């Protein structure tokens, strides 16, 4: 998923998303050895009067999860973090503190 859509989904500024990825790029790169982060430049549409090309990253699922964990909370991000936690918790046996 591209970072422009992620920023819209999380109700944060795209610049904040890009800055977070840039700051922790090594972490994002390390999540998938076969997946390389690249900046893709999107040209303005033919009907537009100009403007700058947009830079954005394409993230895989785990990189998107990492981004959500690194971003500061707002209502939507807080819900997404809890969603991630709910996916992880069922694999954890609370009584014995062991991963199943």
C-alpha atoms as a PDB file:
ATOM      1  CA  UNK A   1       0.000   0.000   0.000  1.00  0.00           C
ATOM      2  CA  UNK A   2       1.371   3.437  -0.779  1.00  0.00           C
ATOM      3  CA  UNK A   3       2.098   5.944   1.942  1.00  0.00           C
ATOM      4  CA  UNK A   4      -0.306   8.564   0.574  1.00  0.00           C
ATOM      5  CA  UNK A   5      -3.236   6.192   1.104  1.00  0.00           C
ATOM      6  CA  UNK A   6      -1.903   5.138   4.520  1.00  0.00           C
ATOM      7  CA  UNK A   7      -1.649   8.784   5.623  1.00  0.00           C
ATOM      8  CA  UNK A   8      -5.240   9.381   4.527  1.00  0.00           C
ATOM      9  CA  UNK A   9      -6.422   6.232   6.326  1.00  0.00           C
ATOM     10  CA  UNK A  10      -4.669   7.250   9.557  1.00  0.00           C
ATOM     11  CA  UNK A  11      -5.651  10.907   9.272  1.00  0.00           C
ATOM     12  CA  UNK A  12      -2.058  12.160   9.456  1.00  0.00           C
ATOM     13  CA  UNK A  13       0.010  14.397   7.221  1.00  0.00           C
ATOM     14  CA  UNK A  14       1.846  12.493   4.476  1.00  0.00           C
ATOM     15  CA  UNK A  15       4.986  14.470   5.325  1.00  0.00           C
ATOM     16  CA  UNK A  16       4.884  12.971   8.857  1.00  0.00           C
ATOM     17  CA  UNK A  17       4.638   9.448   7.409  1.00  0.00           C
ATOM     18  CA  UNK A  18       7.569  10.060   5.036  1.00  0.00           C
ATOM     19  CA  UNK A  19       9.676  11.624   7.805  1.00  0.00           C
ATOM     20  CA  UNK A  20       9.013   8.660  10.119  1.00  0.00           C
ATOM     21  CA  UNK A  21      10.005   6.146   7.442  1.00  0.00           C
ATOM     22  CA  UNK A  22      13.116   8.125   6.560  1.00  0.00           C
ATOM     23  CA  UNK A  23      14.135   8.384  10.231  1.00  0.00           C
ATOM     24  CA  UNK A  24      13.768   4.608  10.809  1.00  0.00           C
ATOM     25  CA  UNK A  25      14.528   3.373   7.284  1.00  0.00           C
ATOM     26  CA  UNK A  26      16.870   0.617   8.517  1.00  0.00           C
ATOM     27  CA  UNK A  27      14.042  -0.856  10.611  1.00  0.00           C
ATOM     28  CA  UNK A  28      11.652  -0.808   7.656  1.00  0.00           C
ATOM     29  CA  UNK A  29      14.241  -2.365   5.338  1.00  0.00           C
ATOM     30  CA  UNK A  30      15.036  -5.109   7.851  1.00  0.00           C
ATOM     31  CA  UNK A  31      11.458  -6.413   7.976  1.00  0.00           C
ATOM     32  CA  UNK A  32      11.704  -8.133   4.619  1.00  0.00           C
ATOM     33  CA  UNK A  33      15.001  -8.995   2.958  1.00  0.00           C
ATOM     34  CA  UNK A  34      13.322  -9.416  -0.445  1.00  0.00           C
ATOM     35  CA  UNK A  35      11.416  -6.162  -0.190  1.00  0.00           C
ATOM     36  CA  UNK A  36      13.247  -2.950  -0.851  1.00  0.00           C
ATOM     37  CA  UNK A  37      11.826   0.464  -0.095  1.00  0.00           C
ATOM     38  CA  UNK A  38      11.982   2.826  -3.006  1.00  0.00           C
ATOM     39  CA  UNK A  39      10.626   6.278  -3.552  1.00  0.00           C
ATOM     40  CA  UNK A  40       8.231   6.320  -6.486  1.00  0.00           C
ATOM     41  CA  UNK A  41       7.577   9.615  -8.206  1.00  0.00           C
ATOM     42  CA  UNK A  42       4.016  10.082  -9.402  1.00  0.00           C
ATOM     43  CA  UNK A  43       3.691  12.621 -12.204  1.00  0.00           C
ATOM     44  CA  UNK A  44       0.803  15.090 -12.236  1.00  0.00           C
ATOM     45  CA  UNK A  45      -2.130  14.085 -14.418  1.00  0.00           C
ATOM     46  CA  UNK A  46      -2.346  15.395 -17.981  1.00  0.00           C
ATOM     47  CA  UNK A  47      -5.296  17.642 -17.119  1.00  0.00           C
ATOM     48  CA  UNK A  48      -3.509  19.362 -14.224  1.00  0.00           C
ATOM     49  CA  UNK A  49      -1.792  22.685 -14.682  1.00  0.00           C
ATOM     50  CA  UNK A  50       1.479  21.438 -13.255  1.00  0.00           C
ATOM     51  CA  UNK A  51       2.691  20.878  -9.755  1.00  0.00           C
ATOM     52  CA  UNK A  52       5.436  18.750  -8.310  1.00  0.00           C
ATOM     53  CA  UNK A  53       5.577  14.986  -8.722  1.00  0.00           C
ATOM     54  CA  UNK A  54       4.562  13.187  -5.505  1.00  0.00           C
ATOM     55  CA  UNK A  55       7.062  11.017  -3.677  1.00  0.00           C
ATOM     56  CA  UNK A  56       5.769   8.028  -1.759  1.00  0.00           C
ATOM     57  CA  UNK A  57       6.837   4.621  -0.507  1.00  0.00           C
ATOM     58  CA  UNK A  58       5.142   1.317  -1.172  1.00  0.00           C
ATOM     59  CA  UNK A  59       4.963  -0.651   2.092  1.00  0.00           C
ATOM     60  CA  UNK A  60       4.152  -4.276   2.739  1.00  0.00           C
ATOM     61  CA  UNK A  61       1.802  -5.309   5.557  1.00  0.00           C
ATOM     62  CA  UNK A  62       4.490  -5.583   8.260  1.00  0.00           C
ATOM     63  CA  UNK A  63       6.073  -2.283   7.317  1.00  0.00           C
ATOM     64  CA  UNK A  64       2.659  -0.651   7.553  1.00  0.00           C
ATOM     65  CA  UNK A  65       2.221  -2.168  11.050  1.00  0.00           C
ATOM     66  CA  UNK A  66       5.651  -0.851  12.070  1.00  0.00           C
ATOM     67  CA  UNK A  67       4.776   2.603  10.778  1.00  0.00           C
ATOM     68  CA  UNK A  68       1.555   2.605  12.812  1.00  0.00           C
ATOM     69  CA  UNK A  69       3.505   1.605  15.931  1.00  0.00           C
ATOM     70  CA  UNK A  70       6.063   4.395  15.382  1.00  0.00           C
ATOM     71  CA  UNK A  71       3.555   7.191  14.740  1.00  0.00           C
ATOM     72  CA  UNK A  72       2.262   9.336  17.580  1.00  0.00           C
ATOM     73  CA  UNK A  73      -1.259   8.507  18.688  1.00  0.00           C
ATOM     74  CA  UNK A  74      -4.430  10.024  17.422  1.00  0.00           C
ATOM     75  CA  UNK A  75      -7.813   8.292  17.714  1.00  0.00           C
ATOM     76  CA  UNK A  76      -7.384   6.278  14.497  1.00  0.00           C
ATOM     77  CA  UNK A  77      -3.758   5.301  15.156  1.00  0.00           C
ATOM     78  CA  UNK A  78      -4.627   4.221  18.704  1.00  0.00           C
ATOM     79  CA  UNK A  79      -7.361   1.933  17.311  1.00  0.00           C
ATOM     80  CA  UNK A  80      -4.964   0.499  14.699  1.00  0.00           C
ATOM     81  CA  UNK A  81      -2.314  -0.203  17.368  1.00  0.00           C
ATOM     82  CA  UNK A  82      -4.907  -2.035  19.446  1.00  0.00           C
ATOM     83  CA  UNK A  83      -5.955  -3.988  16.338  1.00  0.00           C
ATOM     84  CA  UNK A  84      -2.336  -5.099  15.812  1.00  0.00           C
ATOM     85  CA  UNK A  85      -2.093  -6.132  19.463  1.00  0.00           C
ATOM     86  CA  UNK A  86      -5.296  -8.198  19.215  1.00  0.00           C
ATOM     87  CA  UNK A  87      -3.776 -10.129  16.311  1.00  0.00           C
ATOM     88  CA  UNK A  88      -0.647 -10.894  18.337  1.00  0.00           C
ATOM     89  CA  UNK A  89      -2.235 -11.675  21.732  1.00  0.00           C
ATOM     90  CA  UNK A  90      -4.102 -14.870  20.668  1.00  0.00           C
ATOM     91  CA  UNK A  91      -0.730 -16.488  19.913  1.00  0.00           C
ATOM     92  CA  UNK A  92       0.452 -15.771  23.458  1.00  0.00           C
ATOM     93  CA  UNK A  93      -0.492 -18.008  26.383  1.00  0.00           C
ATOM     94  CA  UNK A  94      -0.989 -15.549  29.257  1.00  0.00           C
ATOM     95  CA  UNK A  95      -0.983 -18.190  32.037  1.00  0.00           C
ATOM     96  CA  UNK A  96       2.408 -19.658  31.136  1.00  0.00           C
ATOM     97  CA  UNK A  97       3.850 -16.541  29.442  1.00  0.00           C
ATOM     98  CA  UNK A  98       4.885 -18.657  26.458  1.00  0.00           C
ATOM     99  CA  UNK A  99       4.245 -18.228  22.787  1.00  0.00           C
ATOM    100  CA  UNK A 100       2.171 -21.115  21.421  1.00  0.00           C
END
